[in-house]
């Protein structure tokens, strides 16, 4: 009986975590850097999460800034954001990408 309860508790916790992750990507009219959590960049042949390649921050309620750690991959990041199903049009400003 205890194993059934532990299993049910574990599955409920996983469901809650998945719900929290999905909720963080809801567009609320304010700039939320978490909406880019699911964007992956083709970096040296492997799919790498954007948040491992760049600093993502909201500078004001309407703007998200992506600052790559390696400036040579800024075009790859811009392409990944554009090709995501988020509907963003990234603006490459040389060292940063503004959304």
PDB file of N, CA and C in Angstrom:
ATOM      1  N   UNK A   1       0.817  -1.195   0.000  1.00  0.00           N
ATOM      2  CA  UNK A   1       0.000   0.000   0.000  1.00  0.00           C
ATOM      3  C   UNK A   1       0.861   1.260   0.000  1.00  0.00           C
ATOM      4  N   UNK A   2       1.971   1.219   0.778  1.00  0.00           N
ATOM      5  CA  UNK A   2       2.856   2.375   0.832  1.00  0.00           C
ATOM      6  C   UNK A   2       3.508   2.643  -0.518  1.00  0.00           C
ATOM      7  N   UNK A   3       3.856   1.580  -1.228  1.00  0.00           N
ATOM      8  CA  UNK A   3       4.493   1.769  -2.533  1.00  0.00           C
ATOM      9  C   UNK A   3       3.527   2.408  -3.530  1.00  0.00           C
ATOM     10  N   UNK A   4       2.260   2.064  -3.438  1.00  0.00           N
ATOM     11  CA  UNK A   4       1.249   2.664  -4.317  1.00  0.00           C
ATOM     12  C   UNK A   4       1.120   4.150  -4.011  1.00  0.00           C
ATOM     13  N   UNK A   5       1.101   4.500  -2.729  1.00  0.00           N
ATOM     14  CA  UNK A   5       1.002   5.907  -2.332  1.00  0.00           C
ATOM     15  C   UNK A   5       2.232   6.697  -2.769  1.00  0.00           C
ATOM     16  N   UNK A   6       3.417   6.108  -2.593  1.00  0.00           N
ATOM     17  CA  UNK A   6       4.646   6.786  -3.004  1.00  0.00           C
ATOM     18  C   UNK A   6       4.668   6.993  -4.510  1.00  0.00           C
ATOM     19  N   UNK A   7       4.242   5.975  -5.249  1.00  0.00           N
ATOM     20  CA  UNK A   7       4.198   6.089  -6.708  1.00  0.00           C
ATOM     21  C   UNK A   7       3.213   7.171  -7.143  1.00  0.00           C
ATOM     22  N   UNK A   8       2.050   7.198  -6.521  1.00  0.00           N
ATOM     23  CA  UNK A   8       1.044   8.211  -6.856  1.00  0.00           C
ATOM     24  C   UNK A   8       1.548   9.608  -6.503  1.00  0.00           C
ATOM     25  N   UNK A   9       2.203   9.736  -5.370  1.00  0.00           N
ATOM     26  CA  UNK A   9       2.743  11.032  -4.952  1.00  0.00           C
ATOM     27  C   UNK A   9       3.825  11.507  -5.928  1.00  0.00           C
ATOM     28  N   UNK A  10       4.677  10.581  -6.353  1.00  0.00           N
ATOM     29  CA  UNK A  10       5.742  10.921  -7.300  1.00  0.00           C
ATOM     30  C   UNK A  10       5.145  11.388  -8.625  1.00  0.00           C
ATOM     31  N   UNK A  11       4.142  10.689  -9.127  1.00  0.00           N
ATOM     32  CA  UNK A  11       3.515  11.071 -10.399  1.00  0.00           C
ATOM     33  C   UNK A  11       2.784  12.406 -10.288  1.00  0.00           C
ATOM     34  N   UNK A  12       2.146  12.653  -9.134  1.00  0.00           N
ATOM     35  CA  UNK A  12       1.464  13.943  -8.943  1.00  0.00           C
ATOM     36  C   UNK A  12       2.470  15.089  -8.915  1.00  0.00           C
ATOM     37  N   UNK A  13       3.607  14.863  -8.284  1.00  0.00           N
ATOM     38  CA  UNK A  13       4.636  15.895  -8.230  1.00  0.00           C
ATOM     39  C   UNK A  13       5.195  16.170  -9.626  1.00  0.00           C
ATOM     40  N   UNK A  14       5.413  15.129 -10.416  1.00  0.00           N
ATOM     41  CA  UNK A  14       5.888  15.313 -11.790  1.00  0.00           C
ATOM     42  C   UNK A  14       4.866  16.074 -12.623  1.00  0.00           C
ATOM     43  N   UNK A  15       3.601  15.772 -12.429  1.00  0.00           N
ATOM     44  CA  UNK A  15       2.544  16.488 -13.151  1.00  0.00           C
ATOM     45  C   UNK A  15       2.527  17.958 -12.764  1.00  0.00           C
ATOM     46  N   UNK A  16       2.689  18.232 -11.490  1.00  0.00           N
ATOM     47  CA  UNK A  16       2.705  19.613 -11.019  1.00  0.00           C
ATOM     48  C   UNK A  16       3.896  20.370 -11.592  1.00  0.00           C
ATOM     49  N   UNK A  17       5.078  19.745 -11.632  1.00  0.00           N
ATOM     50  CA  UNK A  17       6.265  20.381 -12.202  1.00  0.00           C
ATOM     51  C   UNK A  17       6.069  20.666 -13.687  1.00  0.00           C
ATOM     52  N   UNK A  18       5.477  19.726 -14.412  1.00  0.00           N
ATOM     53  CA  UNK A  18       5.210  19.941 -15.838  1.00  0.00           C
ATOM     54  C   UNK A  18       4.227  21.088 -16.028  1.00  0.00           C
ATOM     55  N   UNK A  19       3.207  21.151 -15.171  1.00  0.00           N
ATOM     56  CA  UNK A  19       2.241  22.241 -15.238  1.00  0.00           C
ATOM     57  C   UNK A  19       2.915  23.584 -14.973  1.00  0.00           C
ATOM     58  N   UNK A  20       3.795  23.649 -13.975  1.00  0.00           N
ATOM     59  CA  UNK A  20       4.522  24.891 -13.683  1.00  0.00           C
ATOM     60  C   UNK A  20       5.372  25.318 -14.872  1.00  0.00           C
ATOM     61  N   UNK A  21       6.053  24.359 -15.514  1.00  0.00           N
ATOM     62  CA  UNK A  21       6.875  24.680 -16.682  1.00  0.00           C
ATOM     63  C   UNK A  21       6.021  25.216 -17.817  1.00  0.00           C
ATOM     64  N   UNK A  22       4.887  24.588 -18.068  1.00  0.00           N
ATOM     65  CA  UNK A  22       3.996  25.062 -19.128  1.00  0.00           C
ATOM     66  C   UNK A  22       3.422  26.429 -18.794  1.00  0.00           C
ATOM     67  N   UNK A  23       3.094  26.654 -17.554  1.00  0.00           N
ATOM     68  CA  UNK A  23       2.524  27.929 -17.138  1.00  0.00           C
ATOM     69  C   UNK A  23       3.528  29.072 -17.281  1.00  0.00           C
ATOM     70  N   UNK A  24       4.803  28.782 -17.087  1.00  0.00           N
ATOM     71  CA  UNK A  24       5.823  29.830 -17.193  1.00  0.00           C
ATOM     72  C   UNK A  24       6.015  30.307 -18.630  1.00  0.00           C
ATOM     73  N   UNK A  25       5.535  29.542 -19.600  1.00  0.00           N
ATOM     74  CA  UNK A  25       5.699  29.944 -20.998  1.00  0.00           C
ATOM     75  C   UNK A  25       4.468  30.636 -21.570  1.00  0.00           C
ATOM     76  N   UNK A  26       3.452  30.851 -20.747  1.00  0.00           N
ATOM     77  CA  UNK A  26       2.246  31.536 -21.214  1.00  0.00           C
ATOM     78  C   UNK A  26       2.576  33.005 -21.454  1.00  0.00           C
ATOM     79  N   UNK A  27       2.142  33.523 -22.581  1.00  0.00           N
ATOM     80  CA  UNK A  27       2.385  34.921 -22.911  1.00  0.00           C
ATOM     81  C   UNK A  27       1.346  35.783 -22.203  1.00  0.00           C
ATOM     82  N   UNK A  28       1.820  36.665 -21.342  1.00  0.00           N
ATOM     83  CA  UNK A  28       0.928  37.474 -20.515  1.00  0.00           C
ATOM     84  C   UNK A  28       0.889  38.937 -20.913  1.00  0.00           C
ATOM     85  N   UNK A  29       1.563  39.319 -21.969  1.00  0.00           N
ATOM     86  CA  UNK A  29       1.619  40.718 -22.359  1.00  0.00           C
ATOM     87  C   UNK A  29       2.847  41.417 -21.801  1.00  0.00           C
ATOM     88  N   UNK A  30       3.594  40.729 -20.973  1.00  0.00           N
ATOM     89  CA  UNK A  30       4.842  41.259 -20.432  1.00  0.00           C
ATOM     90  C   UNK A  30       5.985  40.375 -20.917  1.00  0.00           C
ATOM     91  N   UNK A  31       7.145  40.980 -21.077  1.00  0.00           N
ATOM     92  CA  UNK A  31       8.321  40.227 -21.502  1.00  0.00           C
ATOM     93  C   UNK A  31       8.704  39.225 -20.414  1.00  0.00           C
ATOM     94  N   UNK A  32       8.755  37.960 -20.774  1.00  0.00           N
ATOM     95  CA  UNK A  32       9.091  36.900 -19.832  1.00  0.00           C
ATOM     96  C   UNK A  32      10.188  36.041 -20.453  1.00  0.00           C
ATOM     97  N   UNK A  33      11.411  36.120 -19.943  1.00  0.00           N
ATOM     98  CA  UNK A  33      12.511  35.336 -20.511  1.00  0.00           C
ATOM     99  C   UNK A  33      12.259  33.833 -20.527  1.00  0.00           C
ATOM    100  N   UNK A  34      11.367  33.338 -19.686  1.00  0.00           N
ATOM    101  CA  UNK A  34      11.091  31.897 -19.619  1.00  0.00           C
ATOM    102  C   UNK A  34      10.461  31.365 -20.897  1.00  0.00           C
ATOM    103  N   UNK A  35       9.889  32.237 -21.734  1.00  0.00           N
ATOM    104  CA  UNK A  35       9.283  31.745 -22.973  1.00  0.00           C
ATOM    105  C   UNK A  35      10.339  31.184 -23.920  1.00  0.00           C
ATOM    106  N   UNK A  36      11.607  31.535 -23.702  1.00  0.00           N
ATOM    107  CA  UNK A  36      12.683  31.029 -24.557  1.00  0.00           C
ATOM    108  C   UNK A  36      13.324  29.759 -24.004  1.00  0.00           C
ATOM    109  N   UNK A  37      12.800  29.221 -22.913  1.00  0.00           N
ATOM    110  CA  UNK A  37      13.385  28.024 -22.301  1.00  0.00           C
ATOM    111  C   UNK A  37      13.360  26.811 -23.223  1.00  0.00           C
ATOM    112  N   UNK A  38      12.418  26.755 -24.117  1.00  0.00           N
ATOM    113  CA  UNK A  38      12.301  25.583 -25.000  1.00  0.00           C
ATOM    114  C   UNK A  38      13.005  25.758 -26.338  1.00  0.00           C
ATOM    115  N   UNK A  39      13.684  26.885 -26.537  1.00  0.00           N
ATOM    116  CA  UNK A  39      14.396  27.123 -27.794  1.00  0.00           C
ATOM    117  C   UNK A  39      15.744  26.414 -27.730  1.00  0.00           C
ATOM    118  N   UNK A  40      16.022  25.603 -28.745  1.00  0.00           N
ATOM    119  CA  UNK A  40      17.300  24.910 -28.857  1.00  0.00           C
ATOM    120  C   UNK A  40      18.042  25.422 -30.077  1.00  0.00           C
ATOM    121  N   UNK A  41      19.368  25.535 -29.939  1.00  0.00           N
ATOM    122  CA  UNK A  41      20.231  26.043 -30.999  1.00  0.00           C
ATOM    123  C   UNK A  41      21.119  24.906 -31.485  1.00  0.00           C
ATOM    124  N   UNK A  42      21.267  24.783 -32.807  1.00  0.00           N
ATOM    125  CA  UNK A  42      22.174  23.791 -33.380  1.00  0.00           C
ATOM    126  C   UNK A  42      23.595  24.323 -33.211  1.00  0.00           C
ATOM    127  N   UNK A  43      24.262  23.883 -32.161  1.00  0.00           N
ATOM    128  CA  UNK A  43      25.581  24.388 -31.787  1.00  0.00           C
ATOM    129  C   UNK A  43      26.605  23.277 -31.944  1.00  0.00           C
ATOM    130  N   UNK A  44      27.467  23.399 -32.944  1.00  0.00           N
ATOM    131  CA  UNK A  44      28.474  22.392 -33.264  1.00  0.00           C
ATOM    132  C   UNK A  44      27.877  21.004 -33.429  1.00  0.00           C
ATOM    133  N   UNK A  45      26.753  20.944 -34.122  1.00  0.00           N
ATOM    134  CA  UNK A  45      26.145  19.670 -34.460  1.00  0.00           C
ATOM    135  C   UNK A  45      25.236  19.069 -33.410  1.00  0.00           C
ATOM    136  N   UNK A  46      25.082  19.729 -32.280  1.00  0.00           N
ATOM    137  CA  UNK A  46      24.170  19.193 -31.266  1.00  0.00           C
ATOM    138  C   UNK A  46      23.151  20.262 -30.870  1.00  0.00           C
ATOM    139  N   UNK A  47      21.976  19.801 -30.512  1.00  0.00           N
ATOM    140  CA  UNK A  47      20.898  20.696 -30.108  1.00  0.00           C
ATOM    141  C   UNK A  47      21.129  21.113 -28.655  1.00  0.00           C
ATOM    142  N   UNK A  48      21.413  22.406 -28.460  1.00  0.00           N
ATOM    143  CA  UNK A  48      21.753  22.930 -27.139  1.00  0.00           C
ATOM    144  C   UNK A  48      20.718  23.953 -26.700  1.00  0.00           C
ATOM    145  N   UNK A  49      20.223  23.867 -25.468  1.00  0.00           N
ATOM    146  CA  UNK A  49      19.254  24.861 -24.993  1.00  0.00           C
ATOM    147  C   UNK A  49      19.843  26.272 -25.035  1.00  0.00           C
ATOM    148  N   UNK A  50      19.035  27.218 -25.452  1.00  0.00           N
ATOM    149  CA  UNK A  50      19.477  28.605 -25.582  1.00  0.00           C
ATOM    150  C   UNK A  50      20.005  29.159 -24.267  1.00  0.00           C
ATOM    151  N   UNK A  51      19.382  28.794 -23.148  1.00  0.00           N
ATOM    152  CA  UNK A  51      19.818  29.357 -21.867  1.00  0.00           C
ATOM    153  C   UNK A  51      21.195  28.857 -21.429  1.00  0.00           C
ATOM    154  N   UNK A  52      21.763  27.865 -22.137  1.00  0.00           N
ATOM    155  CA  UNK A  52      23.127  27.424 -21.866  1.00  0.00           C
ATOM    156  C   UNK A  52      24.137  28.155 -22.739  1.00  0.00           C
ATOM    157  N   UNK A  53      23.642  28.883 -23.745  1.00  0.00           N
ATOM    158  CA  UNK A  53      24.521  29.585 -24.674  1.00  0.00           C
ATOM    159  C   UNK A  53      24.476  31.099 -24.524  1.00  0.00           C
ATOM    160  N   UNK A  54      23.507  31.597 -23.767  1.00  0.00           N
ATOM    161  CA  UNK A  54      23.333  33.043 -23.677  1.00  0.00           C
ATOM    162  C   UNK A  54      22.653  33.436 -22.376  1.00  0.00           C
ATOM    163  N   UNK A  55      22.858  34.684 -22.020  1.00  0.00           N
ATOM    164  CA  UNK A  55      22.129  35.279 -20.902  1.00  0.00           C
ATOM    165  C   UNK A  55      20.833  35.852 -21.463  1.00  0.00           C
ATOM    166  N   UNK A  56      19.710  35.516 -20.858  1.00  0.00           N
ATOM    167  CA  UNK A  56      18.402  35.972 -21.329  1.00  0.00           C
ATOM    168  C   UNK A  56      17.782  36.807 -20.221  1.00  0.00           C
ATOM    169  N   UNK A  57      17.429  38.057 -20.548  1.00  0.00           N
ATOM    170  CA  UNK A  57      16.854  38.931 -19.526  1.00  0.00           C
ATOM    171  C   UNK A  57      15.799  39.843 -20.134  1.00  0.00           C
ATOM    172  N   UNK A  58      14.952  40.372 -19.271  1.00  0.00           N
ATOM    173  CA  UNK A  58      13.936  41.339 -19.687  1.00  0.00           C
ATOM    174  C   UNK A  58      14.403  42.712 -19.224  1.00  0.00           C
ATOM    175  N   UNK A  59      14.640  43.614 -20.174  1.00  0.00           N
ATOM    176  CA  UNK A  59      15.126  44.943 -19.815  1.00  0.00           C
ATOM    177  C   UNK A  59      13.996  45.886 -19.450  1.00  0.00           C
ATOM    178  N   UNK A  60      12.835  45.644 -19.997  1.00  0.00           N
ATOM    179  CA  UNK A  60      11.644  46.419 -19.660  1.00  0.00           C
ATOM    180  C   UNK A  60      10.439  45.516 -19.887  1.00  0.00           C
ATOM    181  N   UNK A  61       9.229  45.967 -19.600  1.00  0.00           N
ATOM    182  CA  UNK A  61       8.059  45.080 -19.717  1.00  0.00           C
ATOM    183  C   UNK A  61       7.776  44.557 -21.123  1.00  0.00           C
ATOM    184  N   UNK A  62       8.428  45.114 -22.142  1.00  0.00           N
ATOM    185  CA  UNK A  62       8.132  44.682 -23.506  1.00  0.00           C
ATOM    186  C   UNK A  62       9.330  44.122 -24.263  1.00  0.00           C
ATOM    187  N   UNK A  63      10.515  44.092 -23.655  1.00  0.00           N
ATOM    188  CA  UNK A  63      11.722  43.711 -24.385  1.00  0.00           C
ATOM    189  C   UNK A  63      12.495  42.608 -23.671  1.00  0.00           C
ATOM    190  N   UNK A  64      12.857  41.585 -24.442  1.00  0.00           N
ATOM    191  CA  UNK A  64      13.744  40.524 -23.960  1.00  0.00           C
ATOM    192  C   UNK A  64      15.065  40.682 -24.698  1.00  0.00           C
ATOM    193  N   UNK A  65      16.173  40.611 -23.954  1.00  0.00           N
ATOM    194  CA  UNK A  65      17.502  40.723 -24.549  1.00  0.00           C
ATOM    195  C   UNK A  65      18.219  39.390 -24.385  1.00  0.00           C
ATOM    196  N   UNK A  66      18.764  38.891 -25.495  1.00  0.00           N
ATOM    197  CA  UNK A  66      19.549  37.661 -25.494  1.00  0.00           C
ATOM    198  C   UNK A  66      20.997  38.062 -25.763  1.00  0.00           C
ATOM    199  N   UNK A  67      21.884  37.799 -24.806  1.00  0.00           N
ATOM    200  CA  UNK A  67      23.300  38.149 -24.921  1.00  0.00           C
ATOM    201  C   UNK A  67      24.129  36.865 -24.965  1.00  0.00           C
ATOM    202  N   UNK A  68      24.546  36.455 -26.165  1.00  0.00           N
ATOM    203  CA  UNK A  68      25.311  35.202 -26.286  1.00  0.00           C
ATOM    204  C   UNK A  68      26.665  35.286 -25.580  1.00  0.00           C
ATOM    205  N   UNK A  69      27.080  34.185 -24.979  1.00  0.00           N
ATOM    206  CA  UNK A  69      28.397  34.125 -24.365  1.00  0.00           C
ATOM    207  C   UNK A  69      29.468  34.114 -25.451  1.00  0.00           C
ATOM    208  N   UNK A  70      29.174  33.461 -26.567  1.00  0.00           N
ATOM    209  CA  UNK A  70      30.072  33.393 -27.722  1.00  0.00           C
ATOM    210  C   UNK A  70      29.422  34.192 -28.848  1.00  0.00           C
ATOM    211  N   UNK A  71      29.969  35.369 -29.129  1.00  0.00           N
ATOM    212  CA  UNK A  71      29.354  36.282 -30.105  1.00  0.00           C
ATOM    213  C   UNK A  71      29.354  35.717 -31.529  1.00  0.00           C
ATOM    214  N   UNK A  72      30.185  34.716 -31.794  1.00  0.00           N
ATOM    215  CA  UNK A  72      30.259  34.163 -33.153  1.00  0.00           C
ATOM    216  C   UNK A  72      29.031  33.334 -33.522  1.00  0.00           C
ATOM    217  N   UNK A  73      28.196  32.978 -32.555  1.00  0.00           N
ATOM    218  CA  UNK A  73      27.012  32.162 -32.854  1.00  0.00           C
ATOM    219  C   UNK A  73      25.721  32.972 -32.810  1.00  0.00           C
ATOM    220  N   UNK A  74      25.832  34.280 -32.854  1.00  0.00           N
ATOM    221  CA  UNK A  74      24.637  35.115 -32.738  1.00  0.00           C
ATOM    222  C   UNK A  74      23.648  34.851 -33.872  1.00  0.00           C
ATOM    223  N   UNK A  75      24.157  34.564 -35.083  1.00  0.00           N
ATOM    224  CA  UNK A  75      23.260  34.261 -36.204  1.00  0.00           C
ATOM    225  C   UNK A  75      22.523  32.941 -35.993  1.00  0.00           C
ATOM    226  N   UNK A  76      23.207  31.953 -35.404  1.00  0.00           N
ATOM    227  CA  UNK A  76      22.557  30.670 -35.114  1.00  0.00           C
ATOM    228  C   UNK A  76      21.443  30.841 -34.086  1.00  0.00           C
ATOM    229  N   UNK A  77      21.693  31.673 -33.092  1.00  0.00           N
ATOM    230  CA  UNK A  77      20.672  31.935 -32.068  1.00  0.00           C
ATOM    231  C   UNK A  77      19.491  32.665 -32.683  1.00  0.00           C
ATOM    232  N   UNK A  78      19.782  33.658 -33.503  1.00  0.00           N
ATOM    233  CA  UNK A  78      18.707  34.406 -34.170  1.00  0.00           C
ATOM    234  C   UNK A  78      17.849  33.475 -35.027  1.00  0.00           C
ATOM    235  N   UNK A  79      18.493  32.581 -35.759  1.00  0.00           N
ATOM    236  CA  UNK A  79      17.771  31.627 -36.606  1.00  0.00           C
ATOM    237  C   UNK A  79      16.898  30.695 -35.764  1.00  0.00           C
ATOM    238  N   UNK A  80      17.431  30.203 -34.649  1.00  0.00           N
ATOM    239  CA  UNK A  80      16.671  29.291 -33.783  1.00  0.00           C
ATOM    240  C   UNK A  80      15.441  29.983 -33.198  1.00  0.00           C
ATOM    241  N   UNK A  81      15.580  31.239 -32.814  1.00  0.00           N
ATOM    242  CA  UNK A  81      14.436  31.978 -32.264  1.00  0.00           C
ATOM    243  C   UNK A  81      13.398  32.205 -33.351  1.00  0.00           C
ATOM    244  N   UNK A  82      13.865  32.583 -34.529  1.00  0.00           N
ATOM    245  CA  UNK A  82      12.941  32.847 -35.637  1.00  0.00           C
ATOM    246  C   UNK A  82      12.191  31.578 -36.043  1.00  0.00           C
ATOM    247  N   UNK A  83      12.869  30.427 -36.040  1.00  0.00           N
ATOM    248  CA  UNK A  83      12.257  29.176 -36.478  1.00  0.00           C
ATOM    249  C   UNK A  83      11.436  28.488 -35.381  1.00  0.00           C
ATOM    250  N   UNK A  84      11.517  28.993 -34.166  1.00  0.00           N
ATOM    251  CA  UNK A  84      10.674  28.424 -33.106  1.00  0.00           C
ATOM    252  C   UNK A  84       9.230  28.816 -33.381  1.00  0.00           C
ATOM    253  N   UNK A  85       8.316  28.110 -32.783  1.00  0.00           N
ATOM    254  CA  UNK A  85       6.895  28.390 -33.006  1.00  0.00           C
ATOM    255  C   UNK A  85       6.361  29.447 -32.047  1.00  0.00           C
ATOM    256  N   UNK A  86       7.223  30.358 -31.603  1.00  0.00           N
ATOM    257  CA  UNK A  86       6.814  31.360 -30.630  1.00  0.00           C
ATOM    258  C   UNK A  86       6.269  32.633 -31.275  1.00  0.00           C
ATOM    259  N   UNK A  87       6.534  32.820 -32.562  1.00  0.00           N
ATOM    260  CA  UNK A  87       6.022  33.996 -33.255  1.00  0.00           C
ATOM    261  C   UNK A  87       6.841  35.252 -33.016  1.00  0.00           C
ATOM    262  N   UNK A  88       8.097  35.112 -32.621  1.00  0.00           N
ATOM    263  CA  UNK A  88       8.957  36.265 -32.379  1.00  0.00           C
ATOM    264  C   UNK A  88       9.736  36.626 -33.630  1.00  0.00           C
ATOM    265  N   UNK A  89      10.056  37.904 -33.760  1.00  0.00           N
ATOM    266  CA  UNK A  89      10.920  38.384 -34.824  1.00  0.00           C
ATOM    267  C   UNK A  89      12.145  39.006 -34.159  1.00  0.00           C
ATOM    268  N   UNK A  90      13.225  38.237 -33.990  1.00  0.00           N
ATOM    269  CA  UNK A  90      14.401  38.753 -33.292  1.00  0.00           C
ATOM    270  C   UNK A  90      15.107  39.843 -34.091  1.00  0.00           C
ATOM    271  N   UNK A  91      15.669  40.804 -33.368  1.00  0.00           N
ATOM    272  CA  UNK A  91      16.382  41.921 -33.969  1.00  0.00           C
ATOM    273  C   UNK A  91      17.845  41.836 -33.543  1.00  0.00           C
ATOM    274  N   UNK A  92      18.722  41.447 -34.473  1.00  0.00           N
ATOM    275  CA  UNK A  92      20.145  41.282 -34.207  1.00  0.00           C
ATOM    276  C   UNK A  92      20.813  42.656 -34.221  1.00  0.00           C
ATOM    277  N   UNK A  93      21.388  43.051 -33.081  1.00  0.00           N
ATOM    278  CA  UNK A  93      22.064  44.344 -32.965  1.00  0.00           C
ATOM    279  C   UNK A  93      23.581  44.176 -32.857  1.00  0.00           C
ATOM    280  N   UNK A  94      24.113  43.107 -33.388  1.00  0.00           N
ATOM    281  CA  UNK A  94      25.557  42.890 -33.372  1.00  0.00           C
ATOM    282  C   UNK A  94      26.014  42.032 -32.209  1.00  0.00           C
ATOM    283  N   UNK A  95      25.891  42.539 -30.989  1.00  0.00           N
ATOM    284  CA  UNK A  95      26.314  41.780 -29.813  1.00  0.00           C
ATOM    285  C   UNK A  95      25.146  41.184 -29.047  1.00  0.00           C
ATOM    286  N   UNK A  96      23.955  41.725 -29.241  1.00  0.00           N
ATOM    287  CA  UNK A  96      22.758  41.263 -28.541  1.00  0.00           C
ATOM    288  C   UNK A  96      21.617  41.078 -29.528  1.00  0.00           C
ATOM    289  N   UNK A  97      20.658  40.262 -29.126  1.00  0.00           N
ATOM    290  CA  UNK A  97      19.434  40.079 -29.904  1.00  0.00           C
ATOM    291  C   UNK A  97      18.292  40.610 -29.056  1.00  0.00           C
ATOM    292  N   UNK A  98      17.504  41.486 -29.647  1.00  0.00           N
ATOM    293  CA  UNK A  98      16.356  42.064 -28.950  1.00  0.00           C
ATOM    294  C   UNK A  98      15.076  41.447 -29.490  1.00  0.00           C
ATOM    295  N   UNK A  99      14.177  41.111 -28.584  1.00  0.00           N
ATOM    296  CA  UNK A  99      12.882  40.542 -28.960  1.00  0.00           C
ATOM    297  C   UNK A  99      11.811  41.401 -28.330  1.00  0.00           C
TER     298      UNK A  99
END
